[in-house]
N, C-alpha and C. Protein backbone atom coordinates (compact mmCIF):
# COMPACT_ATOMS: atom_id res chain seq x y z
N MET A 1 -22.67 136.26 87.64
CA MET A 1 -22.87 134.87 87.38
C MET A 1 -22.10 134.06 88.33
N SER A 2 -22.85 132.93 88.46
CA SER A 2 -22.39 131.78 89.23
C SER A 2 -21.39 130.81 88.61
N ASP A 3 -20.41 130.33 89.56
CA ASP A 3 -19.43 129.30 88.86
C ASP A 3 -20.21 128.13 88.24
N SER A 4 -19.50 127.70 87.23
CA SER A 4 -20.00 126.67 86.42
C SER A 4 -19.76 125.37 87.31
N PRO A 5 -20.80 124.50 87.27
CA PRO A 5 -20.39 123.20 87.99
C PRO A 5 -19.31 122.14 87.40
N PHE A 6 -19.05 122.68 86.06
CA PHE A 6 -18.20 121.55 85.24
C PHE A 6 -16.82 122.25 85.36
N ARG A 7 -16.13 121.99 86.22
CA ARG A 7 -14.70 122.36 86.34
C ARG A 7 -13.54 121.51 85.87
N GLY A 8 -13.88 120.58 85.13
CA GLY A 8 -13.03 119.63 84.51
C GLY A 8 -12.90 118.31 85.20
N ALA A 9 -12.21 117.40 84.51
CA ALA A 9 -12.16 115.99 85.38
C ALA A 9 -11.25 116.14 86.65
N PHE A 10 -10.25 116.87 86.65
CA PHE A 10 -9.48 116.65 87.78
C PHE A 10 -9.48 118.25 88.29
N PRO A 11 -10.37 118.88 89.13
CA PRO A 11 -10.40 120.10 89.53
C PRO A 11 -9.23 120.38 90.61
N HIS A 12 -8.92 119.27 91.24
CA HIS A 12 -7.91 119.47 92.42
C HIS A 12 -6.51 120.08 91.72
N GLN A 13 -6.50 119.70 90.54
CA GLN A 13 -5.01 120.02 89.88
C GLN A 13 -5.11 121.38 89.47
N HIS A 14 -6.15 122.29 89.14
CA HIS A 14 -6.14 123.42 88.52
C HIS A 14 -5.45 124.63 89.39
N GLN A 15 -5.25 124.28 90.68
CA GLN A 15 -4.29 125.12 91.55
C GLN A 15 -2.93 124.61 91.83
N ASP A 16 -2.57 123.61 91.06
CA ASP A 16 -1.17 122.94 91.23
C ASP A 16 -0.44 123.63 90.10
N PRO A 17 0.78 124.42 90.82
CA PRO A 17 1.66 125.07 89.95
C PRO A 17 2.62 124.12 89.17
N ARG A 18 2.73 123.06 89.40
CA ARG A 18 3.57 122.01 88.80
C ARG A 18 3.07 121.69 87.36
N GLY A 19 3.99 121.37 86.52
CA GLY A 19 3.51 121.00 85.16
C GLY A 19 3.13 119.56 85.23
N LEU A 20 2.62 119.22 83.90
CA LEU A 20 1.99 117.78 84.02
C LEU A 20 2.97 116.61 84.21
N VAL A 21 4.18 116.75 83.77
CA VAL A 21 5.17 115.82 83.98
C VAL A 21 5.65 115.64 85.40
N GLU A 22 5.70 116.82 86.02
CA GLU A 22 5.99 116.82 87.49
C GLU A 22 4.75 116.15 88.26
N ARG A 23 3.55 116.46 87.96
CA ARG A 23 2.44 115.81 88.50
C ARG A 23 2.51 114.37 88.43
N ILE A 24 2.60 113.88 87.23
CA ILE A 24 2.72 112.54 86.82
C ILE A 24 3.71 111.94 87.69
N GLU A 25 5.04 112.52 87.72
CA GLU A 25 6.03 111.96 88.60
C GLU A 25 5.64 111.63 89.98
N ALA A 26 5.10 112.67 90.46
CA ALA A 26 4.68 112.91 91.92
C ALA A 26 3.47 111.65 92.12
N GLN A 27 2.70 111.48 91.25
CA GLN A 27 1.68 110.59 91.53
C GLN A 27 2.27 108.93 91.31
N LEU A 28 3.22 109.11 90.49
CA LEU A 28 3.96 107.55 90.31
C LEU A 28 4.60 107.47 91.43
N ARG A 29 5.23 108.09 92.03
CA ARG A 29 6.14 107.99 93.04
C ARG A 29 5.12 107.61 94.60
N GLU A 30 3.89 108.47 94.54
CA GLU A 30 3.02 108.14 95.69
C GLU A 30 2.65 106.79 95.55
N ARG A 31 2.29 106.07 94.30
CA ARG A 31 1.73 104.89 94.20
C ARG A 31 2.81 103.85 94.62
N ILE A 32 4.09 104.19 94.18
CA ILE A 32 5.03 103.16 94.50
C ILE A 32 5.28 103.13 96.02
N GLU A 33 5.05 104.33 96.73
CA GLU A 33 5.25 104.40 98.22
C GLU A 33 4.27 103.65 98.54
N GLU A 34 2.83 103.98 98.30
CA GLU A 34 1.87 103.15 98.89
C GLU A 34 2.05 101.63 98.73
N ALA A 35 2.46 101.22 97.62
CA ALA A 35 2.56 99.67 97.37
C ALA A 35 3.66 99.15 98.27
N VAL A 36 4.73 99.86 98.38
CA VAL A 36 5.90 99.54 99.32
C VAL A 36 5.37 99.53 101.00
N ASP A 37 4.84 100.55 101.28
CA ASP A 37 4.13 100.73 102.49
C ASP A 37 3.02 99.45 102.88
N MET A 38 2.37 99.28 101.85
CA MET A 38 1.17 98.16 102.03
C MET A 38 1.92 96.66 102.25
N ALA A 39 3.02 96.45 101.36
CA ALA A 39 3.75 95.35 101.26
C ALA A 39 4.59 95.20 102.71
N ALA A 40 4.96 96.19 103.11
CA ALA A 40 5.82 96.12 104.34
C ALA A 40 4.99 95.89 105.54
N LEU A 41 3.84 96.53 105.28
CA LEU A 41 2.79 96.38 106.75
C LEU A 41 2.31 95.13 106.52
N GLY A 42 1.93 94.38 105.39
CA GLY A 42 1.54 92.96 105.42
C GLY A 42 2.58 92.04 105.84
N LEU A 43 3.72 92.36 105.41
CA LEU A 43 4.89 91.39 105.86
C LEU A 43 4.75 91.39 107.42
N ILE A 44 4.90 92.66 107.98
CA ILE A 44 4.95 92.79 109.52
C ILE A 44 3.92 92.01 110.26
N VAL A 45 2.62 92.28 109.49
CA VAL A 45 1.45 91.56 110.17
C VAL A 45 1.48 89.92 110.05
N GLU A 46 1.89 89.56 108.83
CA GLU A 46 2.02 88.11 108.65
C GLU A 46 3.07 87.50 109.60
N LEU A 47 4.29 88.08 109.66
CA LEU A 47 5.58 87.67 110.53
C LEU A 47 4.99 87.53 111.91
N ARG A 48 4.30 88.59 112.32
CA ARG A 48 3.79 88.38 113.78
C ARG A 48 2.75 87.56 114.12
N LYS A 49 1.91 87.46 113.15
CA LYS A 49 0.74 86.39 113.28
C LYS A 49 1.44 85.00 113.18
N ARG A 50 2.56 84.71 112.45
CA ARG A 50 3.14 83.26 112.48
C ARG A 50 3.98 83.27 113.88
N ARG A 51 4.19 84.15 114.31
CA ARG A 51 5.07 84.24 115.54
C ARG A 51 4.38 84.36 117.02
N GLY A 52 3.05 84.56 116.75
CA GLY A 52 2.21 84.63 118.00
C GLY A 52 2.28 86.06 118.57
N ARG A 53 2.55 86.92 117.90
CA ARG A 53 2.66 88.24 118.43
C ARG A 53 1.56 89.18 118.07
N PRO A 54 1.25 90.04 118.70
CA PRO A 54 0.09 90.91 118.30
C PRO A 54 0.18 91.67 117.16
N ALA A 55 -0.71 92.28 116.36
CA ALA A 55 -0.57 93.14 115.36
C ALA A 55 0.09 94.42 115.69
N PRO A 56 0.68 95.31 115.01
CA PRO A 56 1.28 96.46 115.15
C PRO A 56 0.32 97.55 115.71
N ASP A 57 0.68 98.46 116.49
CA ASP A 57 -0.08 99.47 117.00
C ASP A 57 0.25 100.66 116.46
N THR A 58 -0.32 101.69 115.92
CA THR A 58 -0.02 102.91 115.41
C THR A 58 0.55 103.80 116.28
N SER A 59 -0.09 103.57 117.60
CA SER A 59 0.63 104.55 118.92
C SER A 59 2.06 104.02 119.27
N SER A 60 2.41 102.84 119.02
CA SER A 60 3.48 102.42 119.46
C SER A 60 4.82 102.89 118.64
N GLN A 61 5.70 103.62 119.43
CA GLN A 61 6.83 104.07 118.75
C GLN A 61 7.76 102.93 118.10
N ALA A 62 7.86 101.90 119.01
CA ALA A 62 8.48 100.68 118.48
C ALA A 62 7.91 100.11 117.20
N ASP A 63 6.67 100.03 117.18
CA ASP A 63 6.00 99.48 116.04
C ASP A 63 6.27 100.40 114.74
N ARG A 64 6.16 101.69 114.99
CA ARG A 64 6.49 102.66 113.78
C ARG A 64 7.82 102.48 113.39
N ALA A 65 8.92 102.31 114.41
CA ALA A 65 10.23 102.21 113.91
C ALA A 65 10.53 100.82 113.11
N GLU A 66 9.72 99.67 113.58
CA GLU A 66 9.73 98.39 112.85
C GLU A 66 9.18 98.62 111.59
N PHE A 67 8.04 99.31 111.22
CA PHE A 67 7.44 99.83 110.11
C PHE A 67 8.57 100.54 109.13
N GLU A 68 9.23 101.50 109.63
CA GLU A 68 10.14 102.06 108.96
C GLU A 68 11.25 101.15 108.44
N GLU A 69 11.78 100.55 109.44
CA GLU A 69 12.84 99.41 109.06
C GLU A 69 12.37 98.34 107.85
N ALA A 70 11.09 98.00 108.04
CA ALA A 70 10.55 97.01 107.08
C ALA A 70 10.43 97.64 105.68
N THR A 71 10.00 98.91 105.57
CA THR A 71 9.96 99.57 104.35
C THR A 71 11.29 99.74 103.66
N LEU A 72 12.29 100.21 104.54
CA LEU A 72 13.69 100.30 103.96
C LEU A 72 14.26 98.96 103.70
N GLY A 73 13.91 97.88 104.41
CA GLY A 73 14.25 96.42 104.38
C GLY A 73 13.72 95.94 103.03
N LEU A 74 12.53 96.32 102.51
CA LEU A 74 12.07 95.97 101.27
C LEU A 74 12.70 96.82 100.09
N LEU A 75 12.68 97.97 100.19
CA LEU A 75 13.03 98.97 99.17
C LEU A 75 14.61 98.61 98.67
N THR A 76 15.39 98.21 99.56
CA THR A 76 16.66 97.85 99.45
C THR A 76 16.82 96.78 98.45
N PRO A 77 16.49 95.53 98.69
CA PRO A 77 16.32 94.25 97.77
C PRO A 77 15.65 94.46 96.67
N LEU A 78 14.65 95.45 96.83
CA LEU A 78 13.85 95.52 95.37
C LEU A 78 14.83 96.25 94.28
N GLY A 79 15.44 97.44 94.92
CA GLY A 79 16.54 98.18 94.01
C GLY A 79 17.59 97.22 93.45
N GLU A 80 18.17 96.17 94.42
CA GLU A 80 19.16 95.30 94.07
C GLU A 80 18.61 94.33 93.03
N ALA A 81 17.36 93.97 93.19
CA ALA A 81 16.94 92.93 92.25
C ALA A 81 16.60 93.43 90.75
N TYR A 82 16.11 94.71 90.82
CA TYR A 82 16.08 95.54 89.42
C TYR A 82 17.39 95.63 88.85
N ARG A 83 18.44 96.31 89.68
CA ARG A 83 19.66 96.52 89.20
C ARG A 83 20.35 95.23 88.69
N ALA A 84 20.01 94.16 89.10
CA ALA A 84 20.57 92.87 88.83
C ALA A 84 20.13 92.49 87.29
N GLU A 85 18.86 92.92 86.85
CA GLU A 85 18.15 92.52 85.60
C GLU A 85 18.42 93.52 84.56
N ILE A 86 18.73 94.58 84.82
CA ILE A 86 18.80 95.77 83.93
C ILE A 86 20.06 95.78 83.24
N GLY A 87 20.42 96.06 81.85
CA GLY A 87 21.46 96.13 81.20
C GLY A 87 22.47 97.03 81.82
N PRO A 88 23.61 96.87 81.41
CA PRO A 88 24.84 97.85 81.86
C PRO A 88 24.64 99.29 81.28
N GLU A 89 23.94 99.27 80.11
CA GLU A 89 23.69 100.82 79.50
C GLU A 89 22.80 101.46 80.34
N GLU A 90 22.14 100.70 81.20
CA GLU A 90 20.82 101.39 81.94
C GLU A 90 21.59 101.80 83.43
N ARG A 91 22.59 101.13 83.87
CA ARG A 91 22.98 101.26 85.26
C ARG A 91 23.36 102.95 85.55
N PRO A 92 24.21 103.59 84.60
CA PRO A 92 24.62 104.82 85.03
C PRO A 92 23.41 105.77 85.37
N ALA A 93 22.29 105.54 84.48
CA ALA A 93 21.05 106.53 84.72
C ALA A 93 20.47 105.97 86.13
N PHE A 94 20.39 104.72 86.38
CA PHE A 94 20.09 104.14 87.80
C PHE A 94 20.61 104.96 88.92
N GLU A 95 22.05 105.01 88.67
CA GLU A 95 22.76 105.44 89.74
C GLU A 95 22.70 106.88 89.97
N ALA A 96 22.59 107.73 88.81
CA ALA A 96 22.41 109.06 88.67
C ALA A 96 21.13 109.59 89.51
N VAL A 97 19.97 108.79 89.37
CA VAL A 97 18.79 109.00 89.74
C VAL A 97 18.95 109.00 91.41
N ALA A 98 19.67 108.05 91.94
CA ALA A 98 19.90 107.93 93.46
C ALA A 98 20.66 109.03 93.90
N ASP A 99 21.61 109.44 93.13
CA ASP A 99 22.66 110.38 93.67
C ASP A 99 22.07 111.71 93.65
N LYS A 100 20.72 112.03 92.92
CA LYS A 100 20.05 113.47 93.15
C LYS A 100 19.11 113.69 94.26
N GLU A 101 18.99 112.40 95.04
CA GLU A 101 18.09 112.53 96.23
C GLU A 101 18.82 112.32 97.52
N PRO A 102 18.27 112.76 98.65
CA PRO A 102 18.85 112.44 99.87
C PRO A 102 19.11 110.94 100.12
N PRO A 103 20.23 110.35 100.79
CA PRO A 103 20.25 109.23 101.05
C PRO A 103 18.96 108.54 101.65
N GLY A 104 18.87 107.17 101.53
CA GLY A 104 17.66 106.46 102.29
C GLY A 104 16.43 106.42 101.52
N ARG A 105 15.44 106.37 102.24
CA ARG A 105 14.17 106.31 101.51
C ARG A 105 13.93 107.20 100.18
N PRO A 106 14.13 108.58 100.37
CA PRO A 106 13.89 109.23 99.17
C PRO A 106 14.63 108.71 97.84
N ALA A 107 16.03 108.38 98.11
CA ALA A 107 16.91 108.07 96.84
C ALA A 107 16.16 106.57 96.53
N LEU A 108 15.97 105.66 97.41
CA LEU A 108 15.42 104.38 96.91
C LEU A 108 14.10 104.44 96.17
N LEU A 109 13.22 105.59 96.71
CA LEU A 109 11.81 105.57 96.03
C LEU A 109 12.07 106.36 94.73
N ALA A 110 12.93 107.17 94.44
CA ALA A 110 13.31 107.83 93.12
C ALA A 110 13.67 106.88 92.22
N VAL A 111 14.38 105.88 92.55
CA VAL A 111 15.06 104.67 91.74
C VAL A 111 13.99 103.96 91.22
N GLN A 112 12.95 103.64 92.11
CA GLN A 112 11.79 103.04 91.83
C GLN A 112 10.87 103.61 90.77
N ALA A 113 10.74 105.01 91.05
CA ALA A 113 9.82 105.67 90.12
C ALA A 113 10.54 105.75 88.84
N HIS A 114 11.89 105.97 88.75
CA HIS A 114 12.64 106.08 87.27
C HIS A 114 12.47 104.60 86.71
N LEU A 115 12.72 103.51 87.20
CA LEU A 115 12.45 101.99 86.80
C LEU A 115 10.79 102.09 86.34
N ALA A 116 10.06 102.49 87.06
CA ALA A 116 8.63 102.27 86.78
C ALA A 116 8.31 102.80 85.50
N ARG A 117 8.80 104.05 85.18
CA ARG A 117 8.82 104.89 83.83
C ARG A 117 9.40 104.29 82.79
N ARG A 118 10.51 103.44 82.85
CA ARG A 118 11.14 102.69 81.85
C ARG A 118 10.91 101.33 81.60
N LEU A 119 10.45 100.51 82.72
CA LEU A 119 10.11 99.16 82.28
C LEU A 119 8.71 98.93 82.23
N PRO A 120 8.28 98.42 81.15
CA PRO A 120 6.81 98.13 80.75
C PRO A 120 6.31 97.08 81.69
N ASP A 121 7.18 96.32 82.39
CA ASP A 121 6.62 95.10 83.13
C ASP A 121 7.12 95.46 84.77
N TYR A 122 7.05 96.85 84.97
CA TYR A 122 7.61 96.98 86.34
C TYR A 122 6.67 96.40 87.38
N TRP A 123 5.50 96.51 87.52
CA TRP A 123 4.61 96.29 88.55
C TRP A 123 4.67 94.60 88.59
N GLN A 124 4.81 94.00 87.43
CA GLN A 124 4.77 92.38 87.58
C GLN A 124 6.30 91.92 88.17
N ARG A 125 7.24 92.70 87.89
CA ARG A 125 8.49 92.31 88.60
C ARG A 125 8.52 92.91 90.24
N PHE A 126 7.78 93.94 90.43
CA PHE A 126 7.50 94.48 91.59
C PHE A 126 6.84 93.32 92.58
N GLU A 127 5.83 92.83 91.99
CA GLU A 127 5.22 91.64 92.79
C GLU A 127 6.14 90.47 93.01
N ARG A 128 6.76 90.07 91.93
CA ARG A 128 7.72 88.83 91.94
C ARG A 128 8.74 89.11 93.06
N TYR A 129 9.31 90.50 92.90
CA TYR A 129 10.50 90.59 93.92
C TYR A 129 9.98 90.87 95.45
N GLN A 130 8.92 91.54 95.58
CA GLN A 130 8.28 91.51 96.69
C GLN A 130 7.84 90.22 97.56
N ALA A 131 7.35 89.35 96.64
CA ALA A 131 7.14 88.04 97.08
C ALA A 131 8.20 87.36 97.33
N ALA A 132 9.29 87.38 96.70
CA ALA A 132 10.60 86.58 96.99
C ALA A 132 11.18 87.18 98.38
N TYR A 133 11.09 88.41 98.60
CA TYR A 133 11.65 89.01 99.90
C TYR A 133 10.74 88.54 100.85
N ALA A 134 9.43 88.65 100.70
CA ALA A 134 8.61 88.36 101.85
C ALA A 134 8.89 86.73 102.27
N GLU A 135 8.98 85.99 101.19
CA GLU A 135 9.40 84.42 101.47
C GLU A 135 10.69 84.10 102.23
N SER A 136 11.66 85.07 102.03
CA SER A 136 12.91 84.91 102.42
C SER A 136 12.67 85.47 103.86
N ARG A 137 11.88 86.24 104.38
CA ARG A 137 11.56 86.72 105.61
C ARG A 137 10.96 85.74 106.33
N PHE A 138 10.12 84.98 105.69
CA PHE A 138 9.11 84.02 106.39
C PHE A 138 10.10 82.81 106.59
N GLN A 139 11.24 82.69 106.10
CA GLN A 139 12.07 81.55 106.08
C GLN A 139 13.02 81.82 107.11
N ALA A 140 13.39 83.07 107.34
CA ALA A 140 14.46 83.55 108.35
C ALA A 140 14.04 83.02 109.80
N PRO A 141 14.91 82.55 110.67
CA PRO A 141 14.55 82.41 112.12
C PRO A 141 14.00 83.73 112.95
N ALA A 142 13.18 83.56 113.91
CA ALA A 142 12.71 84.67 114.33
C ALA A 142 13.80 85.31 115.46
N ALA A 143 13.86 86.77 115.36
CA ALA A 143 14.79 87.38 116.15
C ALA A 143 14.45 87.03 117.44
N LYS A 144 15.36 86.87 118.47
CA LYS A 144 15.20 86.64 119.80
C LYS A 144 14.98 88.00 120.57
N SER A 145 13.89 88.10 121.33
CA SER A 145 13.35 89.13 122.06
C SER A 145 13.69 89.28 123.39
N GLY A 146 13.75 90.59 124.00
CA GLY A 146 14.38 90.61 125.21
C GLY A 146 15.63 91.11 125.22
N TRP A 147 16.26 91.28 126.49
CA TRP A 147 17.62 91.78 126.69
C TRP A 147 18.66 90.59 126.38
N LEU A 148 18.17 89.29 126.59
CA LEU A 148 19.06 88.14 126.32
C LEU A 148 19.34 88.11 124.58
N GLY A 149 18.23 88.31 123.88
CA GLY A 149 18.11 88.38 122.45
C GLY A 149 19.04 89.29 122.02
N ARG A 150 18.95 90.53 122.46
CA ARG A 150 19.66 91.57 122.07
C ARG A 150 21.19 91.38 122.34
N LEU A 151 21.46 90.88 123.43
CA LEU A 151 22.86 90.46 123.88
C LEU A 151 23.41 89.41 122.81
N PHE A 152 22.75 88.52 122.42
CA PHE A 152 23.30 87.36 121.65
C PHE A 152 22.96 87.41 120.25
N ARG A 153 22.47 88.68 119.74
CA ARG A 153 22.32 88.78 118.17
C ARG A 153 23.70 88.96 117.74
C-alpha cells in the first residue's frame, strides 16, 4: 500500500517528540524573537540612514555585533516597560521565569514569552514600547566614530 497523501494539517509536527504545550511555547518564543530581530534590524537601518551610513552587511563581524547589541538593547527596556505596568502580584512569576534561563538573551526572551501568554494585549504593548524605544534612539546623539570618538565616550 502507498502512503496516504493526507497526513494532517501539520505533518512536520508528527516527528516532534515535544508535547503540544512545549511546541506552542517554542513557536511563541520564535515569533517574539523574530519580532525583536526585525525591530532591531529596522532600528539599525533607520539610524544608519539618518546618519548617512551604509546599511548593515551580514558578512561584517562589526555589523553582527551591532545587531546583537541592538536586540539586547531592545529586549531590556521592553522587559522594564512591561515590569513597570504589571501588578505586584505578577512580579514574582516574572522574576522566576528569568531566573530559570541563562542570563542575557535567553532569559529576556523567556520573560517576553511568559508575558505574551498572560497579557491579552501583549502585542499592542510590544508595538507601543518598541516604538517608544526607537524614538528615544532617534533622539539620542550619534556616537562618535573612530578612535577619538571611542576615547571621548
